[in-house]
Amino acid sequence: MSLCDQQVATMLDRLWTVITTVITIFVGAFLGYFFSRIAERGTQRLATYDEATRFLAEYGVLIRNKKAPDEKFLARAVWVDRQIADRFSTVAYEAWRKVETFVTADGTLPAGVSESEYDTKRDQALAAMRRELRRWLRRPERNQKPA
């Protein structure tokens, strides 16, 4: 090989190294962003699930004590509804809407609805959201050793 051919080969090797380094940097940055968005979405879903659980538990206490919820509580119902609509599937949202129809401004259940019906719809809505959370979060029961 002549000196000129060696220089061209060296330049091509350097160029290839620069190109692969740049590609690696961009792919690494993209993957970091992609996986952080997945983790962030899972965290947001978990926070929404926690808020929905807290909301339904508090409303259960209100209806059993026959107390009317305050305006902040009813505003929270709208906020939780929007968060579930944005962060969960239509199946989970429809299950949520079924239990949300029992939320009234006077703290009583609609006519003809028993507390056990409320509890059943509440459990179904939370179970629908939990099923979707399992896709995003590790389940601790997988990591437990059998007894």
C-alpha atoms as a PDB file:
ATOM      1  CA  MET A   1       0.000   0.000   0.000  1.00  0.00           C
ATOM      2  CA  SER A   2       1.231   3.430  -0.802  1.00  0.00           C
ATOM      3  CA  LEU A   3       1.534   6.247   1.706  1.00  0.00           C
ATOM      4  CA  CYS A   4      -1.490   7.973   0.173  1.00  0.00           C
ATOM      5  CA  ASP A   5      -3.605   4.836   0.519  1.00  0.00           C
ATOM      6  CA  GLN A   6      -2.566   4.487   4.172  1.00  0.00           C
ATOM      7  CA  GLN A   7      -3.518   8.092   4.905  1.00  0.00           C
ATOM      8  CA  VAL A   8      -6.911   7.637   3.248  1.00  0.00           C
ATOM      9  CA  ALA A   9      -7.484   4.437   5.253  1.00  0.00           C
ATOM     10  CA  THR A  10      -6.512   6.218   8.487  1.00  0.00           C
ATOM     11  CA  MET A  11      -8.840   9.117   7.707  1.00  0.00           C
ATOM     12  CA  LEU A  12     -11.696   6.731   6.935  1.00  0.00           C
ATOM     13  CA  ASP A  13     -11.075   4.903  10.233  1.00  0.00           C
ATOM     14  CA  ARG A  14     -11.162   8.206  12.139  1.00  0.00           C
ATOM     15  CA  LEU A  15     -14.281   9.317  10.294  1.00  0.00           C
ATOM     16  CA  TRP A  16     -15.978   6.010  11.076  1.00  0.00           C
ATOM     17  CA  THR A  17     -15.004   6.373  14.760  1.00  0.00           C
ATOM     18  CA  VAL A  18     -16.453   9.901  14.896  1.00  0.00           C
ATOM     19  CA  ILE A  19     -19.688   8.819  13.180  1.00  0.00           C
ATOM     20  CA  THR A  20     -20.220   5.840  15.498  1.00  0.00           C
ATOM     21  CA  THR A  21     -19.420   7.977  18.553  1.00  0.00           C
ATOM     22  CA  VAL A  22     -21.978  10.607  17.522  1.00  0.00           C
ATOM     23  CA  ILE A  23     -24.595   7.933  16.819  1.00  0.00           C
ATOM     24  CA  THR A  24     -23.907   6.316  20.208  1.00  0.00           C
ATOM     25  CA  ILE A  25     -24.293   9.668  21.976  1.00  0.00           C
ATOM     26  CA  PHE A  26     -27.634  10.397  20.307  1.00  0.00           C
ATOM     27  CA  VAL A  27     -28.994   6.887  20.776  1.00  0.00           C
ATOM     28  CA  GLY A  28     -27.943   6.916  24.444  1.00  0.00           C
ATOM     29  CA  ALA A  29     -29.603  10.285  25.004  1.00  0.00           C
ATOM     30  CA  PHE A  30     -32.775   9.131  23.268  1.00  0.00           C
ATOM     31  CA  LEU A  31     -32.959   5.894  25.241  1.00  0.00           C
ATOM     32  CA  GLY A  32     -32.356   7.762  28.496  1.00  0.00           C
ATOM     33  CA  TYR A  33     -35.183  10.165  27.675  1.00  0.00           C
ATOM     34  CA  PHE A  34     -37.472   7.337  26.537  1.00  0.00           C
ATOM     35  CA  PHE A  35     -37.013   5.249  29.690  1.00  0.00           C
ATOM     36  CA  SER A  36     -37.312   8.266  31.980  1.00  0.00           C
ATOM     37  CA  ARG A  37     -40.654   9.129  30.345  1.00  0.00           C
ATOM     38  CA  ILE A  38     -41.863   5.574  30.935  1.00  0.00           C
ATOM     39  CA  ALA A  39     -40.844   5.781  34.595  1.00  0.00           C
ATOM     40  CA  GLU A  40     -42.436   9.226  34.940  1.00  0.00           C
ATOM     41  CA  ARG A  41     -45.692   7.992  33.436  1.00  0.00           C
ATOM     42  CA  GLY A  42     -45.751   5.041  35.827  1.00  0.00           C
ATOM     43  CA  THR A  43     -45.131   7.386  38.751  1.00  0.00           C
ATOM     44  CA  GLN A  44     -47.941   9.686  37.614  1.00  0.00           C
ATOM     45  CA  ARG A  45     -50.315   6.749  37.258  1.00  0.00           C
ATOM     46  CA  LEU A  46     -49.427   5.528  40.718  1.00  0.00           C
ATOM     47  CA  ALA A  47     -50.040   9.001  42.185  1.00  0.00           C
ATOM     48  CA  THR A  48     -53.419   9.155  40.437  1.00  0.00           C
ATOM     49  CA  TYR A  49     -54.320   5.683  41.731  1.00  0.00           C
ATOM     50  CA  ASP A  50     -53.365   6.743  45.268  1.00  0.00           C
ATOM     51  CA  GLU A  51     -55.500   9.869  44.992  1.00  0.00           C
ATOM     52  CA  ALA A  52     -58.473   7.894  43.629  1.00  0.00           C
ATOM     53  CA  THR A  53     -58.130   5.375  46.474  1.00  0.00           C
ATOM     54  CA  ARG A  54     -57.985   8.166  49.053  1.00  0.00           C
ATOM     55  CA  PHE A  55     -60.943   9.956  47.469  1.00  0.00           C
ATOM     56  CA  LEU A  56     -63.140   6.833  47.408  1.00  0.00           C
ATOM     57  CA  ALA A  57     -62.205   5.894  50.974  1.00  0.00           C
ATOM     58  CA  GLU A  58     -63.065   9.384  52.224  1.00  0.00           C
ATOM     59  CA  TYR A  59     -66.351   9.347  50.341  1.00  0.00           C
ATOM     60  CA  GLY A  60     -67.157   5.938  51.841  1.00  0.00           C
ATOM     61  CA  VAL A  61     -66.715   7.445  55.304  1.00  0.00           C
ATOM     62  CA  LEU A  62     -68.911  10.412  54.359  1.00  0.00           C
ATOM     63  CA  ILE A  63     -71.811   8.299  53.097  1.00  0.00           C
ATOM     64  CA  ARG A  64     -71.678   5.989  56.108  1.00  0.00           C
ATOM     65  CA  ASN A  65     -71.771   8.995  58.466  1.00  0.00           C
ATOM     66  CA  LYS A  66     -74.365  10.766  56.280  1.00  0.00           C
ATOM     67  CA  LYS A  67     -72.195  13.893  56.012  1.00  0.00           C
ATOM     68  CA  ALA A  68     -72.196  16.197  53.029  1.00  0.00           C
ATOM     69  CA  PRO A  69     -68.806  16.710  51.330  1.00  0.00           C
ATOM     70  CA  ASP A  70     -67.416  20.228  51.141  1.00  0.00           C
ATOM     71  CA  GLU A  71     -66.682  22.124  47.934  1.00  0.00           C
ATOM     72  CA  LYS A  72     -62.988  21.191  47.964  1.00  0.00           C
ATOM     73  CA  PHE A  73     -63.904  17.526  48.117  1.00  0.00           C
ATOM     74  CA  LEU A  74     -66.252  17.831  45.133  1.00  0.00           C
ATOM     75  CA  ALA A  75     -63.621  19.800  43.202  1.00  0.00           C
ATOM     76  CA  ARG A  76     -61.188  16.983  43.927  1.00  0.00           C
ATOM     77  CA  ALA A  77     -63.685  14.588  42.325  1.00  0.00           C
ATOM     78  CA  VAL A  78     -63.389  16.532  39.067  1.00  0.00           C
ATOM     79  CA  TRP A  79     -59.589  16.642  39.316  1.00  0.00           C
ATOM     80  CA  VAL A  80     -59.320  12.882  39.967  1.00  0.00           C
ATOM     81  CA  ASP A  81     -61.728  12.217  37.099  1.00  0.00           C
ATOM     82  CA  ARG A  82     -59.559  14.224  34.672  1.00  0.00           C
ATOM     83  CA  GLN A  83     -56.375  12.519  35.850  1.00  0.00           C
ATOM     84  CA  ILE A  84     -57.871   9.046  35.386  1.00  0.00           C
ATOM     85  CA  ALA A  85     -59.199  10.005  31.938  1.00  0.00           C
ATOM     86  CA  ASP A  86     -55.741  11.246  30.911  1.00  0.00           C
ATOM     87  CA  ARG A  87     -53.578   8.518  32.421  1.00  0.00           C
ATOM     88  CA  PHE A  88     -55.583   5.304  32.188  1.00  0.00           C
ATOM     89  CA  SER A  89     -57.343   3.358  29.457  1.00  0.00           C
ATOM     90  CA  THR A  90     -60.987   3.770  28.544  1.00  0.00           C
ATOM     91  CA  VAL A  91     -61.771   0.492  30.346  1.00  0.00           C
ATOM     92  CA  ALA A  92     -60.393   1.813  33.646  1.00  0.00           C
ATOM     93  CA  TYR A  93     -62.045   5.180  33.077  1.00  0.00           C
ATOM     94  CA  GLU A  94     -65.445   3.594  32.420  1.00  0.00           C
ATOM     95  CA  ALA A  95     -65.119   1.583  35.638  1.00  0.00           C
ATOM     96  CA  TRP A  96     -64.240   4.814  37.460  1.00  0.00           C
ATOM     97  CA  ARG A  97     -67.264   6.599  35.961  1.00  0.00           C
ATOM     98  CA  LYS A  98     -69.562   3.852  37.270  1.00  0.00           C
ATOM     99  CA  VAL A  99     -68.474   4.471  40.843  1.00  0.00           C
ATOM    100  CA  GLU A 100     -68.290   8.230  40.347  1.00  0.00           C
ATOM    101  CA  THR A 101     -72.012   8.309  39.537  1.00  0.00           C
ATOM    102  CA  PHE A 102     -72.584   7.500  43.226  1.00  0.00           C
ATOM    103  CA  VAL A 103     -70.823  10.685  44.381  1.00  0.00           C
ATOM    104  CA  THR A 104     -73.411  13.280  45.352  1.00  0.00           C
ATOM    105  CA  ALA A 105     -73.184  16.748  46.867  1.00  0.00           C
ATOM    106  CA  ASP A 106     -75.317  15.804  49.887  1.00  0.00           C
ATOM    107  CA  GLY A 107     -73.234  12.798  50.977  1.00  0.00           C
ATOM    108  CA  THR A 108     -75.896  10.193  50.362  1.00  0.00           C
ATOM    109  CA  LEU A 109     -76.073   7.478  47.785  1.00  0.00           C
ATOM    110  CA  PRO A 110     -78.595   7.840  44.951  1.00  0.00           C
ATOM    111  CA  ALA A 111     -82.012   6.310  45.553  1.00  0.00           C
ATOM    112  CA  GLY A 112     -82.024   2.535  45.309  1.00  0.00           C
ATOM    113  CA  VAL A 113     -78.239   2.151  45.690  1.00  0.00           C
ATOM    114  CA  SER A 114     -76.889   0.338  48.739  1.00  0.00           C
ATOM    115  CA  GLU A 115     -73.513   0.764  50.401  1.00  0.00           C
ATOM    116  CA  SER A 116     -72.511  -2.701  49.236  1.00  0.00           C
ATOM    117  CA  GLU A 117     -73.192  -1.696  45.611  1.00  0.00           C
ATOM    118  CA  TYR A 118     -70.965   1.319  46.124  1.00  0.00           C
ATOM    119  CA  ASP A 119     -68.264  -0.905  47.614  1.00  0.00           C
ATOM    120  CA  THR A 120     -68.514  -3.333  44.691  1.00  0.00           C
ATOM    121  CA  LYS A 121     -68.210  -0.591  42.055  1.00  0.00           C
ATOM    122  CA  ARG A 122     -65.369   1.030  44.010  1.00  0.00           C
ATOM    123  CA  ASP A 123     -63.456  -2.245  44.128  1.00  0.00           C
ATOM    124  CA  GLN A 124     -64.035  -2.846  40.414  1.00  0.00           C
ATOM    125  CA  ALA A 125     -62.762   0.620  39.495  1.00  0.00           C
ATOM    126  CA  LEU A 126     -59.645   0.294  41.635  1.00  0.00           C
ATOM    127  CA  ALA A 127     -59.002  -3.220  40.292  1.00  0.00           C
ATOM    128  CA  ALA A 128     -59.186  -1.921  36.697  1.00  0.00           C
ATOM    129  CA  MET A 129     -56.586   0.737  37.502  1.00  0.00           C
ATOM    130  CA  ARG A 130     -54.373  -1.766  39.355  1.00  0.00           C
ATOM    131  CA  ARG A 131     -54.346  -4.074  36.322  1.00  0.00           C
ATOM    132  CA  GLU A 132     -52.856  -1.249  34.273  1.00  0.00           C
ATOM    133  CA  LEU A 133     -50.364  -0.313  36.969  1.00  0.00           C
ATOM    134  CA  ARG A 134     -48.934  -3.829  36.891  1.00  0.00           C
ATOM    135  CA  ARG A 135     -47.727  -3.216  33.349  1.00  0.00           C
ATOM    136  CA  TRP A 136     -45.628  -0.264  34.487  1.00  0.00           C
ATOM    137  CA  LEU A 137     -44.490  -1.216  37.950  1.00  0.00           C
ATOM    138  CA  ARG A 138     -42.771  -4.266  39.291  1.00  0.00           C
ATOM    139  CA  ARG A 139     -44.969  -6.446  41.431  1.00  0.00           C
ATOM    140  CA  PRO A 140     -43.306  -7.255  44.754  1.00  0.00           C
ATOM    141  CA  GLU A 141     -44.923 -10.710  44.877  1.00  0.00           C
ATOM    142  CA  ARG A 142     -42.745 -11.766  41.938  1.00  0.00           C
ATOM    143  CA  ASN A 143     -39.627 -11.089  43.953  1.00  0.00           C
ATOM    144  CA  GLN A 144     -40.683 -13.002  47.066  1.00  0.00           C
ATOM    145  CA  LYS A 145     -39.203 -16.418  47.621  1.00  0.00           C
ATOM    146  CA  PRO A 146     -41.677 -19.278  47.985  1.00  0.00           C
ATOM    147  CA  ALA A 147     -42.178 -20.429  51.553  1.00  0.00           C
END
